[in-house]
Amino acid sequence: MPANNTASQENIALMRNAFAALSSRDFTSAAEFLSPDFIINLAGMPYQMRGRRTWRKNTETFLNAFPDFQLETQDMFATDDKVAVRFRMTGTHTGEFLGNQPTGKRVDYQSYELYRIADGKIAEEWICSDMLTILTQIGAFPARHLLLMWLAGYRVWFAAGLGLLAGVILTLSLSFVSS
């Protein structure tokens, strides 16, 4: 097995062990997989967060909001010092989350994450979770607003199609009148 493939498999094993510790709520063991100067990059966050303590605080905050949180790894692959992961996460909103009081509603969403491994530890993460889905599912973001946002993305194409249709009708009308 080539050295690169061996390192990739070792990095995947490291990540699986870290996620197993997280899933069993063993935060102390999970944090040991992180480098002391661990870097956290969250989509939409204007700055990086750092350190095991910050990671643990963020994790505990999330798990206090969704204590029955389940993590299902759907894809995991690695190359060189990077491991990419796609998760499905589910849970029930029974604690405060981002200022939103508990609703008892279930959440089911995706997270896309990239990790950098250095010296046998997780050194950095980039997380792009589907926060809009979570907020919609707990009622913090009205579903009708989500639908309107989705439709707004199509208004340019709708207008272009309408213009094209009007042009075709006008051309056919002028052709019929001139005949």
Protein backbone atom coordinates (compact mmCIF):
# COMPACT_ATOMS: atom_id res chain seq x y z
CA MET A 1 0.00 0.00 0.00
CA PRO A 2 1.46 3.42 -0.95
CA ALA A 3 2.51 5.69 1.91
CA ASN A 4 -0.11 8.31 0.98
CA ASN A 5 -2.91 5.72 1.10
CA THR A 6 -1.66 4.43 4.46
CA ALA A 7 -1.65 7.95 5.92
CA SER A 8 -5.13 8.58 4.54
CA GLN A 9 -6.46 5.37 6.12
CA GLU A 10 -4.81 6.26 9.44
CA ASN A 11 -6.42 9.71 9.31
CA ILE A 12 -9.83 8.15 8.62
CA ALA A 13 -9.35 5.78 11.57
CA LEU A 14 -8.41 8.76 13.77
CA MET A 15 -11.59 10.60 12.74
CA ARG A 16 -13.80 7.53 13.27
CA ASN A 17 -12.37 7.11 16.79
CA ALA A 18 -12.90 10.81 17.56
CA PHE A 19 -16.51 10.66 16.36
CA ALA A 20 -17.11 7.46 18.35
CA ALA A 21 -15.95 9.28 21.51
CA LEU A 22 -18.21 12.22 20.63
CA SER A 23 -21.19 9.95 19.97
CA SER A 24 -20.72 8.29 23.36
CA ARG A 25 -20.61 11.78 24.95
CA ASP A 26 -17.05 11.23 26.20
CA PHE A 27 -15.96 14.85 25.68
CA THR A 28 -12.67 14.41 27.49
CA SER A 29 -11.60 11.56 25.21
CA ALA A 30 -12.95 13.33 22.12
CA ALA A 31 -10.95 16.46 22.97
CA GLU A 32 -7.76 14.40 23.25
CA PHE A 33 -7.98 13.78 19.49
CA LEU A 34 -7.60 17.54 18.95
CA SER A 35 -4.31 19.39 18.86
CA PRO A 36 -3.89 21.86 21.75
CA ASP A 37 -4.06 24.78 19.28
CA PHE A 38 -7.05 23.31 17.40
CA ILE A 39 -8.58 25.78 14.88
CA ILE A 40 -12.34 25.96 14.29
CA ASN A 41 -13.68 27.47 11.05
CA LEU A 42 -17.48 27.71 10.86
CA ALA A 43 -19.31 28.78 7.70
CA GLY A 44 -20.61 32.29 8.17
CA MET A 45 -18.44 32.98 11.22
CA PRO A 46 -16.30 36.08 10.59
CA TYR A 47 -13.38 34.77 12.65
CA GLN A 48 -11.71 31.52 13.65
CA MET A 49 -12.20 30.02 17.07
CA ARG A 50 -9.37 28.14 18.75
CA GLY A 51 -8.60 25.49 21.30
CA ARG A 52 -9.96 22.35 22.89
CA ARG A 53 -11.85 24.32 25.53
CA THR A 54 -13.73 26.30 22.86
CA TRP A 55 -14.51 23.10 20.95
CA ARG A 56 -15.86 21.49 24.11
CA LYS A 57 -17.97 24.54 25.00
CA ASN A 58 -19.47 24.63 21.47
CA THR A 59 -20.14 20.89 21.53
CA GLU A 60 -21.75 20.95 24.97
CA THR A 61 -23.92 23.91 23.96
CA PHE A 62 -25.16 22.00 20.91
CA LEU A 63 -25.73 18.77 22.83
CA ASN A 64 -27.57 20.60 25.62
CA ALA A 65 -29.97 21.87 22.96
CA PHE A 66 -30.27 18.45 21.28
CA PRO A 67 -29.41 15.87 23.98
CA ASP A 68 -30.59 12.87 21.92
CA PHE A 69 -28.37 14.00 19.02
CA GLN A 70 -27.38 11.17 16.67
CA LEU A 71 -24.58 11.37 14.14
CA GLU A 72 -24.61 9.18 11.03
CA THR A 73 -21.50 9.26 8.85
CA GLN A 74 -22.66 9.08 5.25
CA ASP A 75 -19.30 9.63 3.53
CA MET A 76 -15.72 9.89 4.72
CA PHE A 77 -12.63 10.03 2.56
CA ALA A 78 -9.10 11.34 2.89
CA THR A 79 -6.14 12.50 0.91
CA ASP A 80 -2.82 13.63 2.30
CA ASP A 81 -3.54 15.47 5.57
CA LYS A 82 -7.25 16.18 4.90
CA VAL A 83 -10.35 14.16 5.77
CA ALA A 84 -13.75 15.08 4.30
CA VAL A 85 -16.93 13.97 6.05
CA ARG A 86 -20.64 14.20 5.23
CA PHE A 87 -22.95 13.62 8.17
CA ARG A 88 -26.63 13.28 8.77
CA MET A 89 -27.53 14.63 12.19
CA THR A 90 -30.81 14.14 14.02
CA GLY A 91 -32.09 15.15 17.43
CA THR A 92 -34.87 16.77 19.42
CA HIS A 93 -34.77 20.44 20.37
CA THR A 94 -35.20 20.26 24.16
CA GLY A 95 -32.74 22.98 25.21
CA GLU A 96 -32.00 26.56 24.18
CA PHE A 97 -30.30 26.85 20.81
CA LEU A 98 -28.96 30.14 19.44
CA GLY A 99 -31.40 32.06 21.61
CA ASN A 100 -34.35 29.87 20.64
CA GLN A 101 -36.23 28.27 23.52
CA PRO A 102 -36.90 24.50 23.39
CA THR A 103 -39.68 23.44 21.03
CA GLY A 104 -39.59 19.66 21.31
CA LYS A 105 -39.30 19.52 17.50
CA ARG A 106 -37.12 17.00 15.70
CA VAL A 107 -34.28 18.14 13.48
CA ASP A 108 -32.75 16.20 10.62
CA TYR A 109 -30.02 17.93 8.64
CA GLN A 110 -26.70 17.58 6.83
CA SER A 111 -23.24 18.79 7.72
CA TYR A 112 -20.26 18.89 5.38
CA GLU A 113 -16.93 19.02 7.17
CA LEU A 114 -13.25 19.05 6.30
CA TYR A 115 -10.50 18.27 8.79
CA ARG A 116 -6.73 18.75 8.68
CA ILE A 117 -4.60 16.22 10.52
CA ALA A 118 -1.13 17.09 11.84
CA ASP A 119 1.14 14.94 14.00
CA GLY A 120 -1.62 12.39 14.65
CA LYS A 121 -4.10 15.00 15.94
CA ILE A 122 -7.01 16.89 14.43
CA ALA A 123 -5.46 20.32 13.90
CA GLU A 124 -8.22 22.22 12.10
CA GLU A 125 -11.82 21.88 11.01
CA TRP A 126 -14.02 23.63 8.46
CA ILE A 127 -17.71 23.05 9.10
CA CYS A 128 -20.55 23.92 6.73
CA SER A 129 -23.68 22.72 8.53
CA ASP A 130 -27.17 23.25 7.19
CA MET A 131 -28.11 25.75 9.91
CA LEU A 132 -31.01 27.15 7.89
CA THR A 133 -32.68 23.75 7.95
CA ILE A 134 -32.20 23.43 11.73
CA LEU A 135 -33.63 26.90 12.33
CA THR A 136 -36.57 26.19 10.01
CA GLN A 137 -37.26 22.83 11.66
CA ILE A 138 -37.35 24.34 15.18
CA GLY A 139 -39.56 27.20 13.96
CA ALA A 140 -36.96 29.96 14.36
CA PHE A 141 -37.06 30.69 10.63
CA PRO A 142 -40.53 30.44 9.05
CA ALA A 143 -40.74 27.83 6.29
CA ARG A 144 -42.63 30.32 4.07
CA HIS A 145 -39.55 32.58 4.12
CA LEU A 146 -37.45 29.65 2.97
CA LEU A 147 -39.88 29.01 0.11
CA LEU A 148 -39.82 32.69 -0.88
CA MET A 149 -36.00 32.68 -0.86
CA TRP A 150 -36.00 29.58 -3.06
CA LEU A 151 -38.49 31.11 -5.49
CA ALA A 152 -36.57 34.39 -5.57
CA GLY A 153 -33.64 32.54 -7.07
CA TYR A 154 -35.82 31.61 -10.04
CA ARG A 155 -37.30 35.03 -10.78
CA VAL A 156 -34.52 35.94 -13.22
CA TRP A 157 -35.06 32.74 -15.18
CA PHE A 158 -38.81 33.18 -15.01
CA ALA A 159 -38.52 36.75 -16.36
CA ALA A 160 -36.15 35.60 -19.13
CA GLY A 161 -38.52 32.79 -20.08
CA LEU A 162 -41.49 35.13 -20.05
CA GLY A 163 -39.59 37.60 -22.25
CA LEU A 164 -38.67 34.84 -24.68
CA LEU A 165 -42.26 33.62 -24.81
CA ALA A 166 -43.51 37.18 -25.42
CA GLY A 167 -40.95 37.57 -28.20
CA VAL A 168 -42.04 34.35 -29.89
CA ILE A 169 -45.72 35.31 -29.64
CA LEU A 170 -45.01 38.80 -31.01
CA THR A 171 -42.91 37.39 -33.88
CA LEU A 172 -45.61 34.86 -34.78
CA SER A 173 -48.30 37.57 -34.57
CA LEU A 174 -46.34 39.90 -36.84
CA SER A 175 -45.67 37.05 -39.27
CA PHE A 176 -49.37 36.18 -39.36
CA VAL A 177 -50.43 39.82 -39.85
CA SER A 178 -47.93 40.41 -42.66
CA SER A 179 -49.03 37.24 -44.50
